[in-house]
Amino acid sequence: MSDASLPLAGIKAISLASLGPGPYAAMLLADLGCAVTIVDRTGPMMTSLPQDRDPRRRGQQSIALDLKSEAGRAILEDLIRDTDILMEGMRPGVAEKLGLSPDHCLGLNPRLIYARITGWGQEGPMAQRAGHDINYIALSGALLAMGDADRPPPVPLNLLGDYAGGGMFVALGILAALQQVNRTGRGTVIDGAIVDGVASLAATTMGMLATGRWGARAENVLDGGAPYYRSYATRDGGYMAVGAIEPQFYAELLGKLGLTVGDWPQQDRARWPALTQELARLFATEDRGVWEQRFAQSDACVTPVLSFAEALDHPQHKARGTYIDIDGVRQPAPGPRLGQSRGASPTPPPGIGAETDAILRAMGKSPEEIANLKNRGIVA
């Protein structure tokens, strides 16, 4: 499948450099064929990865601009006039202080989709507060639902807030807004708040709470309270994940372990603690590899708990091409699959300002003008 036939081919986006969810949303769009230009800062920026090794920047191009300067903003404004999407992840009000408010940018381009990505949203008593993934999921109720009842909530990876409730949620909003623009000819502003995205992700759990089907922490089926839906340590220090929710899978789990449903009724909650102890004892008698082989062809819903390094080479992932290599960096392949396509074949992530000169030349800037902008620190 050629790039021209990817679903977002012909769509252009600008991603103002930020942390966490913004770059991930940009990656998702680029993987689907969108031409994404990252507007990096000319000065240093704290990042979790070197920019030219960050998978979230793959398949994109970079221009480095000083947006605090009038000349730098003028260049960005010219880019905005010829784009479909603008993504920014600054604290509420910062874009306005830079002269890049939604009203101003939509005035430059009435069809523009202006996507704002924050933790708390654009309004509310906490809108101006700093925060990170753990804070957003804490305030959403999700963090307290995790972990053992007698311990503080664990520190999870930032997948739930930053990437699912933030980047993925905003990318979905952008795709919906593209349809709206096609239908009405008018652009729109997306207020993408991580707390809103996490709330949406918790729809089923909130529904269970409202109908009296969600109890105290670690007493429910999906939070580790059920002995048939949790992880167990193995003899060699590994772990096995058990997810035998349906009765037939539960029966197969017990059968593989030499137990019977008659002795251990699945919904006898009074016996859940005892069964948890018994399963913990049994799994601790063998190494992870032994259990992996025993359950390999089983529908008991039991799998090894892999490290990221192990996951890269698991036969299931290899068969599907789940991971790819770009310049020596193993990373998830573009998705989701559309027909037989895995999306774009991403180019390596650009360093800061890697395409500054090329972008400026395409805008009609002469070599002398580009040199002057660089000498003044407007671009890099």
Protein backbone atom coordinates (compact mmCIF):
# COMPACT_ATOMS: atom_id res chain seq x y z
CA MET A 1 0.00 0.00 0.00
CA SER A 2 1.50 3.32 -1.02
CA ASP A 3 1.58 6.35 1.24
CA ALA A 4 -0.84 8.11 -1.10
CA SER A 5 -3.50 5.54 -0.29
CA LEU A 6 -3.18 5.81 3.50
CA PRO A 7 -6.32 7.20 5.15
CA LEU A 8 -4.79 10.55 6.17
CA ALA A 9 -2.74 11.10 3.02
CA GLY A 10 -3.02 14.73 1.98
CA ILE A 11 -3.78 15.93 5.52
CA LYS A 12 -1.23 18.25 7.14
CA ALA A 13 -0.65 18.80 10.83
CA ILE A 14 1.54 21.01 13.00
CA SER A 15 2.60 19.70 16.40
CA LEU A 16 4.03 22.28 18.79
CA ALA A 17 6.72 20.47 20.76
CA SER A 18 5.46 19.26 24.14
CA LEU A 19 5.74 16.32 26.51
CA GLY A 20 3.72 13.12 26.77
CA PRO A 21 0.37 12.96 24.98
CA GLY A 22 0.96 15.54 22.25
CA PRO A 23 3.86 13.72 20.56
CA TYR A 24 1.98 10.42 20.85
CA ALA A 25 -1.09 11.88 19.12
CA ALA A 26 1.21 13.22 16.40
CA MET A 27 2.75 9.76 15.95
CA LEU A 28 -0.68 8.17 15.55
CA LEU A 29 -1.61 10.69 12.85
CA ALA A 30 1.72 10.28 11.05
CA ASP A 31 1.37 6.49 11.12
CA LEU A 32 -1.92 6.89 9.25
CA GLY A 33 -0.35 9.01 6.53
CA CYS A 34 -0.72 12.55 7.88
CA ALA A 35 2.17 14.91 7.03
CA VAL A 36 3.19 16.14 10.49
CA THR A 37 5.56 19.05 11.07
CA ILE A 38 6.96 19.34 14.59
CA VAL A 39 7.65 22.90 15.68
CA ASP A 40 10.55 22.44 18.08
CA ARG A 41 11.99 25.08 20.34
CA THR A 42 15.30 26.71 19.50
CA GLY A 43 16.38 26.34 23.13
CA PRO A 44 16.73 23.24 25.31
CA MET A 45 13.66 21.22 26.30
CA MET A 46 13.43 18.44 28.88
CA THR A 47 12.65 15.14 27.17
CA SER A 48 12.58 11.46 28.14
CA LEU A 49 14.41 10.45 24.95
CA PRO A 50 16.84 12.05 22.50
CA GLN A 51 14.63 13.59 19.83
CA ASP A 52 16.26 11.66 16.99
CA ARG A 53 15.62 8.35 18.83
CA ASP A 54 12.07 9.00 20.01
CA PRO A 55 9.52 6.71 18.27
CA ARG A 56 6.82 9.32 18.81
CA ARG A 57 8.60 11.58 16.28
CA ARG A 58 8.92 8.96 13.53
CA GLY A 59 7.67 9.78 10.06
CA GLN A 60 7.61 13.52 10.79
CA GLN A 61 9.69 16.59 10.01
CA SER A 62 11.01 19.27 12.36
CA ILE A 63 11.46 23.01 12.19
CA ALA A 64 12.89 24.86 15.19
CA LEU A 65 11.33 28.28 15.83
CA ASP A 66 11.53 30.91 18.56
CA LEU A 67 7.81 31.52 19.06
CA LYS A 68 8.51 34.34 21.51
CA SER A 69 9.81 36.40 18.61
CA GLU A 70 7.58 38.18 16.12
CA ALA A 71 9.51 36.73 13.20
CA GLY A 72 9.21 33.19 14.56
CA ARG A 73 5.45 33.56 15.04
CA ALA A 74 5.13 34.96 11.52
CA ILE A 75 6.73 31.81 10.11
CA LEU A 76 4.36 29.63 12.16
CA GLU A 77 1.39 31.70 10.99
CA ASP A 78 2.38 31.04 7.38
CA LEU A 79 2.50 27.34 8.15
CA ILE A 80 -0.90 27.47 9.86
CA ARG A 81 -2.49 29.01 6.77
CA ASP A 82 -1.56 25.85 4.86
CA THR A 83 -2.35 23.14 7.41
CA ASP A 84 -5.38 21.18 8.58
CA ILE A 85 -4.48 20.54 12.22
CA LEU A 86 -2.60 22.42 14.93
CA MET A 87 -1.79 20.59 18.18
CA GLU A 88 -0.52 22.35 21.30
CA GLY A 89 0.11 21.00 24.80
CA MET A 90 0.83 24.16 26.76
CA ARG A 91 -0.76 25.26 30.01
CA PRO A 92 -4.05 27.10 29.43
CA GLY A 93 -3.45 30.71 28.42
CA VAL A 94 0.15 30.28 27.22
CA ALA A 95 -0.80 30.07 23.56
CA GLU A 96 -2.85 33.24 24.00
CA LYS A 97 0.15 35.02 25.52
CA LEU A 98 2.20 34.02 22.49
CA GLY A 99 -0.42 35.52 20.19
CA LEU A 100 -1.52 32.08 18.99
CA SER A 101 -5.01 31.84 20.46
CA PRO A 102 -7.59 29.62 18.78
CA ASP A 103 -9.52 32.67 17.53
CA HIS A 104 -6.38 34.13 15.98
CA CYS A 105 -5.35 30.89 14.32
CA LEU A 106 -8.85 30.17 13.03
CA GLY A 107 -8.82 33.68 11.64
CA LEU A 108 -5.74 32.70 9.64
CA ASN A 109 -7.33 29.42 8.54
CA PRO A 110 -11.11 29.00 9.04
CA ARG A 111 -10.88 25.24 8.36
CA LEU A 112 -8.25 24.67 11.05
CA ILE A 113 -8.67 22.01 13.73
CA TYR A 114 -7.02 23.48 16.83
CA ALA A 115 -6.35 20.64 19.30
CA ARG A 116 -5.42 21.59 22.86
CA ILE A 117 -3.99 18.83 25.06
CA THR A 118 -3.75 19.41 28.81
CA GLY A 119 -4.11 17.43 32.03
CA TRP A 120 -6.93 19.33 33.71
CA GLY A 121 -8.60 21.01 30.73
CA GLN A 122 -9.02 24.64 29.76
CA GLU A 123 -11.24 25.63 32.68
CA GLY A 124 -12.05 24.65 36.25
CA PRO A 125 -10.35 25.44 39.57
CA MET A 126 -7.31 23.26 38.75
CA ALA A 127 -6.81 24.34 35.13
CA GLN A 128 -3.66 26.32 35.92
CA ARG A 129 -2.14 23.70 38.21
CA ALA A 130 0.84 21.61 37.17
CA GLY A 131 0.40 17.86 37.10
CA HIS A 132 1.47 14.56 35.61
CA ASP A 133 -0.15 11.27 34.68
CA ILE A 134 -0.28 9.98 38.25
CA ASN A 135 -2.12 13.12 39.39
CA TYR A 136 -4.71 12.95 36.63
CA ILE A 137 -5.56 9.30 37.17
CA ALA A 138 -5.59 9.88 40.94
CA LEU A 139 -8.26 12.56 40.62
CA SER A 140 -10.22 10.39 38.20
CA GLY A 141 -10.65 7.56 40.70
CA ALA A 142 -8.66 5.12 38.58
CA LEU A 143 -5.50 5.06 40.70
CA LEU A 144 -7.28 4.05 43.91
CA ALA A 145 -8.84 1.10 42.08
CA MET A 146 -5.37 -0.41 41.51
CA GLY A 147 -3.23 -2.48 43.84
CA ASP A 148 -3.60 -4.39 47.08
CA ALA A 149 -6.06 -3.14 49.68
CA ASP A 150 -3.44 -2.89 52.45
CA ARG A 151 -0.90 -0.88 50.46
CA PRO A 152 -0.73 2.56 48.85
CA PRO A 153 -1.82 2.58 45.20
CA PRO A 154 1.05 1.50 42.94
CA VAL A 155 2.89 3.88 40.65
CA PRO A 156 1.72 2.78 37.19
CA LEU A 157 3.31 3.53 33.86
CA ASN A 158 1.91 6.64 32.19
CA LEU A 159 -0.09 4.60 29.68
CA LEU A 160 -3.56 5.21 31.12
CA GLY A 161 -3.41 8.98 31.50
CA ASP A 162 -0.89 10.45 29.08
CA TYR A 163 -1.30 8.04 26.22
CA ALA A 164 -4.80 6.51 26.40
CA GLY A 165 -6.72 9.33 28.10
CA GLY A 166 -4.57 12.02 26.49
CA GLY A 167 -2.94 11.27 23.14
CA MET A 168 -5.31 8.55 21.92
CA PHE A 169 -8.39 10.46 23.08
CA VAL A 170 -7.29 13.63 21.29
CA ALA A 171 -6.37 11.72 18.13
CA LEU A 172 -9.92 10.33 18.10
CA GLY A 173 -11.26 13.87 18.47
CA ILE A 174 -9.10 15.05 15.58
CA LEU A 175 -10.40 12.29 13.30
CA ALA A 176 -13.98 13.22 14.21
CA ALA A 177 -13.22 16.92 13.63
CA LEU A 178 -11.85 16.15 10.15
CA GLN A 179 -15.25 14.69 9.28
CA GLN A 180 -16.94 17.78 10.68
CA VAL A 181 -14.73 20.07 8.59
CA ASN A 182 -15.50 18.05 5.47
CA ARG A 183 -19.20 18.37 6.19
CA THR A 184 -19.39 22.03 7.28
CA GLY A 185 -16.23 23.68 5.93
CA ARG A 186 -15.58 25.17 9.36
CA GLY A 187 -12.77 24.39 11.75
CA THR A 188 -13.13 23.75 15.47
CA VAL A 189 -11.29 23.73 18.79
CA ILE A 190 -10.70 20.50 20.71
CA ASP A 191 -10.32 20.77 24.48
CA GLY A 192 -8.48 17.50 25.14
CA ALA A 193 -8.15 16.99 28.91
CA ILE A 194 -6.50 13.85 30.23
CA VAL A 195 -8.96 13.77 33.16
CA ASP A 196 -11.83 13.66 30.66
CA GLY A 197 -10.18 10.88 28.69
CA VAL A 198 -9.55 8.75 31.77
CA ALA A 199 -13.15 9.30 32.89
CA SER A 200 -14.30 7.99 29.52
CA LEU A 201 -12.05 4.95 29.81
CA ALA A 202 -13.62 4.17 33.18
CA ALA A 203 -17.17 4.09 31.79
CA THR A 204 -17.77 0.41 32.58
CA THR A 205 -16.33 0.66 36.09
CA MET A 206 -18.40 3.75 36.83
CA GLY A 207 -21.46 1.93 35.55
CA MET A 208 -20.70 -0.97 37.89
CA LEU A 209 -20.33 1.48 40.77
CA ALA A 210 -23.67 3.14 39.97
CA THR A 211 -25.48 -0.21 39.92
CA GLY A 212 -23.93 -1.53 43.12
CA ARG A 213 -21.61 -3.96 41.36
CA TRP A 214 -18.31 -2.36 42.37
CA GLY A 215 -17.20 -2.80 45.95
CA ALA A 216 -14.21 -1.85 48.04
CA ARG A 217 -10.69 -1.87 46.64
CA ALA A 218 -9.27 -5.30 45.76
CA GLU A 219 -12.64 -7.00 46.30
CA ASN A 220 -13.81 -6.99 42.70
CA VAL A 221 -13.31 -9.27 39.73
CA LEU A 222 -11.12 -6.88 37.71
CA ASP A 223 -8.99 -5.31 40.45
CA GLY A 224 -7.22 -8.41 41.75
CA GLY A 225 -9.90 -9.34 44.25
CA ALA A 226 -10.89 -12.46 42.34
CA PRO A 227 -8.38 -15.33 42.55
CA TYR A 228 -9.02 -16.11 38.88
CA TYR A 229 -8.04 -12.61 37.68
CA ARG A 230 -4.64 -11.65 39.02
CA SER A 231 -0.94 -12.48 38.77
CA TYR A 232 0.98 -15.15 40.67
CA ALA A 233 4.69 -15.53 41.40
CA THR A 234 6.52 -18.58 40.10
CA ARG A 235 9.39 -20.49 41.68
CA ASP A 236 12.08 -18.69 39.67
CA GLY A 237 10.84 -15.18 40.43
CA GLY A 238 8.68 -14.83 37.32
CA TYR A 239 4.95 -14.30 37.18
CA MET A 240 1.93 -15.79 35.45
CA ALA A 241 -1.16 -13.73 34.60
CA VAL A 242 -4.50 -15.46 35.17
CA GLY A 243 -7.67 -14.12 33.51
CA ALA A 244 -10.14 -17.02 33.71
CA ILE A 245 -13.35 -15.02 34.06
CA GLU A 246 -15.82 -17.18 32.11
CA PRO A 247 -16.95 -20.40 33.87
CA GLN A 248 -15.55 -22.71 31.18
CA PHE A 249 -12.16 -21.01 31.34
CA TYR A 250 -12.23 -21.11 35.14
CA ALA A 251 -12.94 -24.85 35.06
CA GLU A 252 -10.01 -25.39 32.70
CA LEU A 253 -7.72 -23.34 34.95
CA LEU A 254 -8.57 -25.45 37.97
CA GLY A 255 -8.26 -28.67 35.97
CA LYS A 256 -4.75 -27.78 34.82
CA LEU A 257 -3.83 -27.21 38.47
CA GLY A 258 -5.41 -30.42 39.76
CA LEU A 259 -8.37 -28.66 41.40
CA THR A 260 -12.13 -28.95 40.80
CA VAL A 261 -14.95 -26.44 40.56
CA GLY A 262 -16.93 -28.51 43.01
CA ASP A 263 -14.36 -27.83 45.69
CA TRP A 264 -13.84 -24.22 44.66
CA PRO A 265 -17.11 -22.63 43.41
CA GLN A 266 -16.14 -19.64 41.27
CA GLN A 267 -18.54 -17.09 42.77
CA ASP A 268 -18.15 -18.11 46.41
CA ARG A 269 -16.56 -14.84 47.46
CA ALA A 270 -16.12 -16.02 51.03
CA ARG A 271 -13.59 -18.55 49.73
CA TRP A 272 -11.74 -16.18 47.39
CA PRO A 273 -8.94 -15.48 49.92
CA ALA A 274 -8.37 -19.19 50.50
CA LEU A 275 -8.32 -19.96 46.78
CA THR A 276 -5.92 -17.08 46.17
CA GLN A 277 -3.56 -18.58 48.73
CA GLU A 278 -3.89 -22.03 47.16
CA LEU A 279 -3.20 -20.76 43.64
CA ALA A 280 -0.23 -18.77 44.94
CA ARG A 281 1.13 -21.93 46.56
CA LEU A 282 0.69 -23.99 43.40
CA PHE A 283 2.24 -21.48 41.00
CA ALA A 284 5.23 -21.13 43.33
CA THR A 285 6.06 -24.83 42.94
CA GLU A 286 7.32 -24.53 39.33
CA ASP A 287 9.32 -22.12 37.17
CA ARG A 288 7.55 -19.76 34.82
CA GLY A 289 8.63 -21.74 31.77
CA VAL A 290 6.97 -24.88 33.10
CA TRP A 291 3.65 -23.10 33.55
CA GLU A 292 4.01 -21.43 30.19
CA GLN A 293 4.30 -24.83 28.52
CA ARG A 294 1.46 -26.32 30.54
CA PHE A 295 -0.95 -23.57 29.52
CA ALA A 296 0.43 -23.02 26.00
CA GLN A 297 -2.44 -24.77 24.19
CA SER A 298 -5.08 -24.03 26.81
CA ASP A 299 -8.12 -21.75 26.96
CA ALA A 300 -7.60 -21.20 30.67
CA CYS A 301 -6.49 -17.62 29.89
CA VAL A 302 -3.09 -18.00 31.58
CA THR A 303 -0.03 -16.31 30.10
CA PRO A 304 3.48 -15.44 31.26
CA VAL A 305 4.10 -11.90 32.45
CA LEU A 306 6.79 -10.71 30.05
CA SER A 307 9.27 -7.89 30.26
CA PHE A 308 9.30 -5.40 27.39
CA ALA A 309 12.49 -7.02 26.12
CA GLU A 310 10.87 -10.46 26.15
CA ALA A 311 7.73 -9.17 24.45
CA LEU A 312 9.76 -7.99 21.46
CA ASP A 313 10.64 -11.58 20.56
CA HIS A 314 7.47 -13.43 21.51
CA PRO A 315 6.23 -15.68 18.64
CA GLN A 316 2.77 -14.06 18.61
CA HIS A 317 4.22 -10.62 18.09
CA LYS A 318 6.71 -11.87 15.52
CA ALA A 319 3.93 -13.54 13.53
CA ARG A 320 1.95 -10.30 13.41
CA GLY A 321 4.88 -7.94 12.93
CA THR A 322 3.82 -6.09 16.06
CA TYR A 323 7.28 -4.55 16.48
CA ILE A 324 9.61 -3.02 13.92
CA ASP A 325 13.16 -1.70 13.90
CA ILE A 326 13.95 1.86 12.88
CA ASP A 327 17.63 2.75 13.00
CA GLY A 328 18.27 0.17 15.70
CA VAL A 329 15.32 1.23 17.89
CA ARG A 330 12.78 -1.56 18.37
CA GLN A 331 9.30 -0.08 18.65
CA PRO A 332 5.62 -0.82 17.97
CA ALA A 333 4.63 -0.94 14.32
CA PRO A 334 2.10 1.57 12.96
CA GLY A 335 -1.53 0.66 13.49
CA PRO A 336 -4.34 -0.06 13.61
CA ARG A 337 -4.34 -2.35 10.59
CA LEU A 338 -6.61 -1.26 7.78
CA GLY A 339 -7.23 -4.21 5.49
CA GLN A 340 -3.81 -5.70 4.83
CA SER A 341 -1.95 -2.48 5.60
CA ARG A 342 0.04 -1.75 8.75
CA GLY A 343 0.02 1.93 7.91
CA ALA A 344 3.00 4.02 6.91
CA SER A 345 6.60 2.82 6.70
CA PRO A 346 7.95 5.43 9.09
CA THR A 347 11.12 7.37 8.44
CA PRO A 348 13.46 7.81 11.43
CA PRO A 349 12.53 10.51 13.94
CA PRO A 350 14.04 13.89 13.08
CA GLY A 351 16.47 15.76 15.27
CA ILE A 352 15.53 19.27 16.35
CA GLY A 353 15.23 21.50 13.32
CA ALA A 354 16.35 18.78 10.91
CA GLU A 355 14.15 20.15 8.14
CA THR A 356 14.24 23.84 9.08
CA ASP A 357 16.10 24.87 5.94
CA ALA A 358 13.98 22.73 3.63
CA ILE A 359 10.72 24.03 5.10
CA LEU A 360 11.86 27.64 4.85
CA ARG A 361 12.99 27.13 1.26
CA ALA A 362 9.57 25.65 0.43
CA MET A 363 8.04 28.82 1.92
CA GLY A 364 10.10 30.90 -0.54
CA LYS A 365 12.86 32.04 1.80
CA SER A 366 16.20 32.73 0.13
CA PRO A 367 19.50 31.35 1.47
CA GLU A 368 20.35 34.84 2.69
CA GLU A 369 17.05 35.16 4.55
CA ILE A 370 17.49 31.75 6.16
CA ALA A 371 21.02 32.63 7.25
CA ASN A 372 19.77 35.90 8.72
CA LEU A 373 17.01 34.11 10.67
CA LYS A 374 19.55 31.68 12.07
CA ASN A 375 21.98 34.44 13.02
CA ARG A 376 19.18 36.18 14.94
CA GLY A 377 18.18 32.95 16.75
CA ILE A 378 14.72 32.99 15.18
CA VAL A 379 15.21 29.49 13.73
CA ALA A 380 17.61 26.66 14.35
